[in-house]
Protein backbone atom coordinates (compact mmCIF):
# COMPACT_ATOMS: atom_id res chain seq x y z
CA MET A 1 114.63 126.42 68.47
CA SER A 2 117.28 123.72 68.80
CA LYS A 3 116.98 120.40 67.04
CA ARG A 4 116.96 118.52 70.34
CA LEU A 5 114.12 120.64 71.71
CA LYS A 6 112.11 120.12 68.52
CA LEU A 7 112.62 116.37 68.83
CA THR A 8 111.49 116.40 72.47
CA LEU A 9 108.38 118.42 71.67
CA ARG A 10 107.60 116.10 68.77
CA ARG A 11 107.88 113.08 71.06
CA ILE A 12 105.63 114.67 73.66
CA TRP A 13 103.04 115.36 70.97
CA ASP A 14 103.35 111.75 69.81
CA VAL A 15 102.70 110.56 73.38
CA ILE A 16 99.59 112.72 73.75
CA SER A 17 98.16 111.88 70.33
CA ASN A 18 98.96 108.14 70.52
CA SER A 19 97.45 107.79 73.97
CA PHE A 20 94.25 109.53 72.83
CA TYR A 21 94.15 107.36 69.72
CA ARG A 22 94.48 104.14 71.71
CA LEU A 23 91.92 105.31 74.26
CA VAL A 24 89.35 105.80 71.51
CA MET A 25 90.25 103.00 69.10
CA GLU A 26 91.04 100.20 71.56
CA GLY A 27 87.80 100.34 73.51
CA GLY A 28 88.89 102.71 76.26
CA LEU A 29 85.69 104.75 76.15
CA GLU A 30 83.55 101.60 76.28
CA LEU A 31 85.64 100.21 79.15
CA SER A 32 85.21 103.51 80.99
CA GLY A 33 81.44 103.03 80.77
CA HIS A 34 81.76 99.58 82.34
CA MET A 35 84.14 100.90 84.99
CA SER A 36 81.93 103.87 85.88
CA PHE A 37 78.81 101.70 86.19
CA THR A 38 80.62 99.16 88.36
CA THR A 39 82.09 101.91 90.52
CA LEU A 40 78.70 103.52 91.08
CA LEU A 41 77.12 100.11 91.73
CA SER A 42 79.71 99.36 94.40
CA LEU A 43 79.74 102.84 95.98
CA MET A 44 77.11 102.19 98.66
CA PRO A 45 78.61 98.82 99.68
CA PHE A 46 81.98 100.55 99.76
CA LEU A 47 80.59 103.18 102.13
CA VAL A 48 79.32 100.40 104.39
CA VAL A 49 82.86 98.98 104.43
CA ILE A 50 84.38 102.38 105.25
CA VAL A 51 81.97 102.96 108.10
CA ALA A 52 82.64 99.45 109.41
CA VAL A 53 86.40 100.13 109.30
CA VAL A 54 86.05 103.21 111.50
CA GLY A 55 83.60 101.49 113.84
CA PHE A 56 80.40 103.43 113.16
CA LEU A 57 78.34 100.85 111.31
CA GLY A 58 74.63 101.62 111.12
CA ASP A 59 74.10 104.74 113.25
CA GLU A 60 73.12 108.33 112.55
CA SER A 61 76.59 109.70 113.22
CA SER A 62 78.04 107.55 110.45
CA ALA A 63 75.41 108.79 108.01
CA ALA A 64 76.18 112.41 108.87
CA TRP A 65 79.89 111.76 108.45
CA VAL A 66 79.35 110.21 105.00
CA VAL A 67 77.11 113.08 103.89
CA ASN A 68 79.76 115.62 104.90
CA TRP A 69 82.43 113.56 103.15
CA MET A 70 80.42 113.46 99.93
CA GLY A 71 79.93 117.21 100.10
CA GLU A 72 83.71 117.65 100.12
CA LEU A 73 84.55 115.03 97.50
CA PHE A 74 81.85 115.33 94.83
CA PRO A 75 80.35 118.27 92.94
CA ALA A 76 77.32 119.72 94.71
CA TYR A 77 74.61 118.21 92.50
CA VAL A 78 76.21 114.75 92.54
CA ALA A 79 76.56 114.92 96.33
CA GLU A 80 72.90 115.97 96.65
CA THR A 81 71.90 112.92 94.60
CA LEU A 82 74.03 110.39 96.48
CA ALA A 83 73.90 111.70 100.05
CA PRO A 84 70.24 110.84 100.84
CA VAL A 85 70.73 107.32 99.50
CA ALA A 86 73.89 106.87 101.58
CA SER A 87 72.08 108.16 104.66
CA ASP A 88 69.24 105.66 104.16
CA VAL A 89 71.65 102.76 103.60
CA LEU A 90 73.74 103.51 106.68
CA THR A 91 70.91 104.20 109.12
CA VAL A 92 68.85 101.08 108.37
CA ARG A 93 69.77 98.48 110.95
CA ARG A 94 69.73 94.83 109.92
CA ALA A 95 70.62 91.72 111.86
CA ASP A 96 73.10 90.60 109.22
CA ALA A 97 74.84 93.98 108.87
CA LEU A 98 77.98 92.81 110.63
CA THR A 99 78.15 89.35 109.07
CA LEU A 100 76.77 88.40 105.69
CA GLY A 101 75.85 92.01 104.87
CA LEU A 102 79.43 93.20 105.33
CA ILE A 103 80.82 90.24 103.38
CA ALA A 104 78.45 90.98 100.50
CA SER A 105 79.43 94.65 100.61
CA LEU A 106 83.11 93.74 100.41
CA TRP A 107 82.47 91.42 97.47
CA ILE A 108 80.43 93.96 95.51
CA ALA A 109 82.93 96.74 96.21
CA SER A 110 85.80 94.52 95.06
CA SER A 111 84.04 94.14 91.69
CA ALA A 112 84.87 97.78 90.97
CA VAL A 113 88.55 96.99 91.60
CA GLU A 114 88.32 94.13 89.10
CA ALA A 115 86.83 96.51 86.52
CA LEU A 116 89.74 98.90 87.10
CA ARG A 117 92.16 95.98 86.73
CA HIS A 118 90.65 95.03 83.38
CA GLY A 119 90.87 98.61 82.16
CA LEU A 120 94.50 98.99 83.24
CA ASN A 121 95.49 95.66 81.65
CA THR A 122 93.95 96.85 78.37
CA ALA A 123 95.70 100.21 78.54
CA TYR A 124 99.10 98.69 79.28
CA GLY A 125 98.61 95.98 76.68
CA VAL A 126 99.02 93.01 79.03
CA ARG A 127 96.98 89.85 79.47
CA GLU A 128 95.83 88.79 82.93
CA MET A 129 97.29 85.40 83.96
CA ARG A 130 96.79 85.36 87.73
CA SER A 131 94.22 83.11 89.38
CA PHE A 132 90.70 84.30 90.16
CA VAL A 133 91.19 83.64 93.89
CA TRP A 134 94.40 85.70 94.10
CA ARG A 135 92.83 88.60 92.19
CA ARG A 136 89.81 88.66 94.48
CA ILE A 137 91.96 88.59 97.62
CA GLN A 138 93.99 91.48 96.26
CA ALA A 139 90.82 93.38 95.32
CA LEU A 140 89.38 92.91 98.82
CA ALA A 141 92.62 94.19 100.32
CA PHE A 142 92.43 97.27 98.11
CA VAL A 143 88.85 97.95 99.21
CA VAL A 144 89.73 97.84 102.91
CA GLY A 145 92.95 99.78 102.39
CA THR A 146 91.20 102.44 100.35
CA GLY A 147 88.57 102.70 103.05
CA VAL A 148 91.28 103.55 105.58
CA VAL A 149 92.76 106.12 103.20
CA VAL A 150 89.37 107.70 102.51
CA PHE A 151 88.70 107.98 106.22
CA SER A 152 92.10 109.62 106.73
CA VAL A 153 91.43 112.12 103.95
CA SER A 154 87.99 112.84 105.36
CA PHE A 155 89.50 113.45 108.78
CA LEU A 156 91.83 116.04 107.28
CA LEU A 157 89.00 117.70 105.37
CA LEU A 158 86.34 117.66 108.07
CA ALA A 159 87.60 116.93 111.56
CA LEU A 160 90.79 118.97 111.83
CA PRO A 161 89.22 122.45 111.49
CA ALA A 162 86.45 121.48 113.92
CA ALA A 163 89.02 120.14 116.41
CA ILE A 164 91.00 123.38 116.24
CA ASP A 165 87.85 125.44 116.86
CA PHE A 166 87.00 123.24 119.86
CA VAL A 167 90.46 123.55 121.44
CA GLU A 168 90.62 127.30 120.87
CA ASP A 169 87.18 127.73 122.42
CA LYS A 170 88.07 125.68 125.50
CA LEU A 171 91.45 127.34 126.04
CA LYS A 172 90.22 130.82 125.12
CA THR A 173 93.19 131.40 122.86
CA ASP A 174 94.18 131.22 119.21
CA PHE A 175 96.68 128.91 117.50
CA PRO A 176 97.38 130.66 114.17
CA SER A 177 100.25 128.35 113.26
CA VAL A 178 98.10 125.24 113.73
CA ARG A 179 95.24 126.83 111.80
CA ARG A 180 97.57 127.56 108.91
CA LEU A 181 98.56 123.90 108.99
CA SER A 182 94.91 122.91 108.68
CA GLU A 183 94.67 124.99 105.52
CA LEU A 184 97.15 122.58 103.95
CA ARG A 185 94.76 119.67 104.37
CA TYR A 186 93.77 119.80 100.70
CA PHE A 187 97.38 119.27 99.70
CA PHE A 188 97.47 116.24 101.97
CA ALA A 189 94.23 115.03 100.38
CA PHE A 190 95.78 115.47 96.93
CA GLY A 191 98.74 113.39 98.08
CA PHE A 192 96.47 110.61 99.31
CA ILE A 193 94.56 110.51 96.02
CA PHE A 194 97.80 110.45 94.05
CA ILE A 195 99.22 107.61 96.15
CA VAL A 196 96.05 105.51 95.76
CA THR A 197 96.10 106.09 91.98
CA LEU A 198 99.80 105.20 91.85
CA PHE A 199 99.24 101.98 93.77
CA LEU A 200 96.38 101.00 91.46
CA HIS A 201 98.61 101.51 88.42
CA HIS A 202 101.42 99.51 90.01
CA PHE A 203 99.67 96.55 91.59
CA LEU A 204 96.52 95.85 89.56
CA PRO A 205 97.87 95.23 86.02
CA PHE A 206 99.63 91.97 85.21
CA PHE A 207 103.13 93.41 85.06
CA ARG A 208 105.68 94.88 87.42
CA THR A 209 107.56 97.97 86.41
CA LYS A 210 109.44 100.73 88.14
CA TRP A 211 107.55 103.49 89.90
CA ARG A 212 109.20 106.09 87.68
CA VAL A 213 107.47 104.59 84.66
CA ILE A 214 103.92 104.93 86.00
CA TRP A 215 104.00 108.11 88.09
CA PRO A 216 103.47 110.52 85.12
CA GLY A 217 100.10 108.99 84.22
CA ALA A 218 99.06 108.73 87.89
CA LEU A 219 99.90 112.40 88.42
CA LEU A 220 98.09 113.35 85.23
CA SER A 221 94.99 111.42 86.33
CA THR A 222 95.02 113.00 89.79
CA ASN A 223 95.31 116.56 88.48
CA GLY A 224 92.76 115.85 85.77
CA SER A 225 90.26 114.47 88.30
CA ILE A 226 90.55 117.48 90.58
CA LEU A 227 90.18 119.87 87.64
CA MET A 228 87.25 117.81 86.36
CA ILE A 229 85.33 118.27 89.63
CA ASP A 230 85.41 122.06 89.26
CA LEU A 231 84.61 122.01 85.55
CA PHE A 232 81.83 119.46 86.05
CA SER A 233 80.23 121.64 88.72
CA TYR A 234 80.19 124.56 86.29
CA TYR A 235 78.83 122.35 83.50
CA VAL A 236 75.99 121.06 85.65
CA LYS A 237 75.00 124.60 86.69
CA THR A 238 74.71 125.67 83.07
CA SER A 239 73.18 122.49 81.62
CA LEU A 240 71.06 120.97 84.39
CA SER A 241 67.81 122.32 82.94
CA ASN A 242 68.51 120.41 79.72
CA TYR A 243 68.97 117.14 81.62
CA SER A 244 65.82 117.77 83.67
CA ALA A 245 63.82 118.41 80.51
CA ILE A 246 65.02 115.16 78.89
CA TYR A 247 65.30 112.76 81.83
CA GLY A 248 62.88 114.30 84.35
CA GLY A 249 63.27 112.70 87.76
CA LEU A 250 66.19 110.60 86.52
CA ALA A 251 68.33 113.70 85.87
CA GLY A 252 70.25 113.28 89.13
CA ILE A 253 71.14 109.67 88.34
CA ILE A 254 72.16 110.51 84.77
CA VAL A 255 74.37 113.40 85.89
CA THR A 256 75.96 111.17 88.55
CA LEU A 257 76.68 108.44 86.00
CA LEU A 258 78.16 111.05 83.67
CA PHE A 259 80.41 112.30 86.47
CA PHE A 260 81.72 108.80 87.17
CA TYR A 261 82.15 108.14 83.45
CA VAL A 262 84.28 111.24 82.88
CA GLY A 263 86.31 110.39 85.98
CA THR A 264 87.06 106.85 84.79
CA VAL A 265 87.99 108.13 81.32
CA ILE A 266 90.56 110.42 82.97
CA PHE A 267 91.84 107.58 85.14
CA LEU A 268 92.16 105.21 82.19
CA TYR A 269 93.80 107.85 80.01
CA GLY A 270 96.61 108.07 82.57
CA ALA A 271 97.43 104.41 81.89
CA PHE A 272 97.31 104.87 78.11
CA PHE A 273 99.54 107.91 78.56
CA ASN A 274 102.10 105.88 80.53
CA ALA A 275 102.15 103.15 77.86
CA ALA A 276 102.58 105.67 75.04
CA LEU A 277 105.26 107.56 76.99
CA TYR A 278 107.27 104.39 77.57
CA LYS A 279 106.97 103.23 73.97
CA THR A 280 107.92 106.64 72.55
CA PHE A 281 111.02 107.12 74.68
CA LYS A 282 112.08 103.48 75.11
CA GLY A 283 111.05 102.18 71.70
CA ARG A 284 109.13 99.15 73.01
CA ASN A 285 105.95 98.22 74.82
CA ILE A 286 105.83 97.89 78.61
């Protein structure tokens, strides 16, 4: 093994170990708990925002769409816990749903963005200096923008195959090339998730750096999140009886919180990874 290769491998190990060390020792695990709770707290208001963006606010079709979306995005047990709640929230009509209710939903959902901002600032070692008003405006913009992205991803996951089936049935013919294209929808979904993660890393912390500095951690977080969904599903299947024995009827809530907690740890580790990578190869902090 050449000396240069040994040095590169040593630096990569330093990046991995230093990022884990900072995650644990600088409050990353505690911050992930705050971030996961805030994210779960804002999930239902966020769904109201998404449904409002696509023009379905408060009807049964929107509830069915959200339930299908959750079935694609979350592990089965987490989706089974959240879907009935989402259906109840979105099918209850209220007079203020389009006014104060939507404003409140936007505000609560933006709180999750602020929690992510705090976590990213800690990981990158920067101190927030922007005004409260500017940060809230930016957070609200992220909520609405993410709602559009989530709807686009959901369209790829849910609507495209159904649309192809409908057209083929009406025209009494097959479109194998188009159907093969629909099979790539998960790659498009991966791209959307990666882009959202990349934008969060770039715009939320109080610093501006080049995209090439932050994409490794964003890519790591995206791959880790997708892998985590499969592993978490397996873990729940093998350990659910233990949670039911300890928490009883609260088992679904506890498992859902655990899912969001692990996801935010992975997200935050991507930022710690970027900071350690930059310091190791550039010799200074971001």
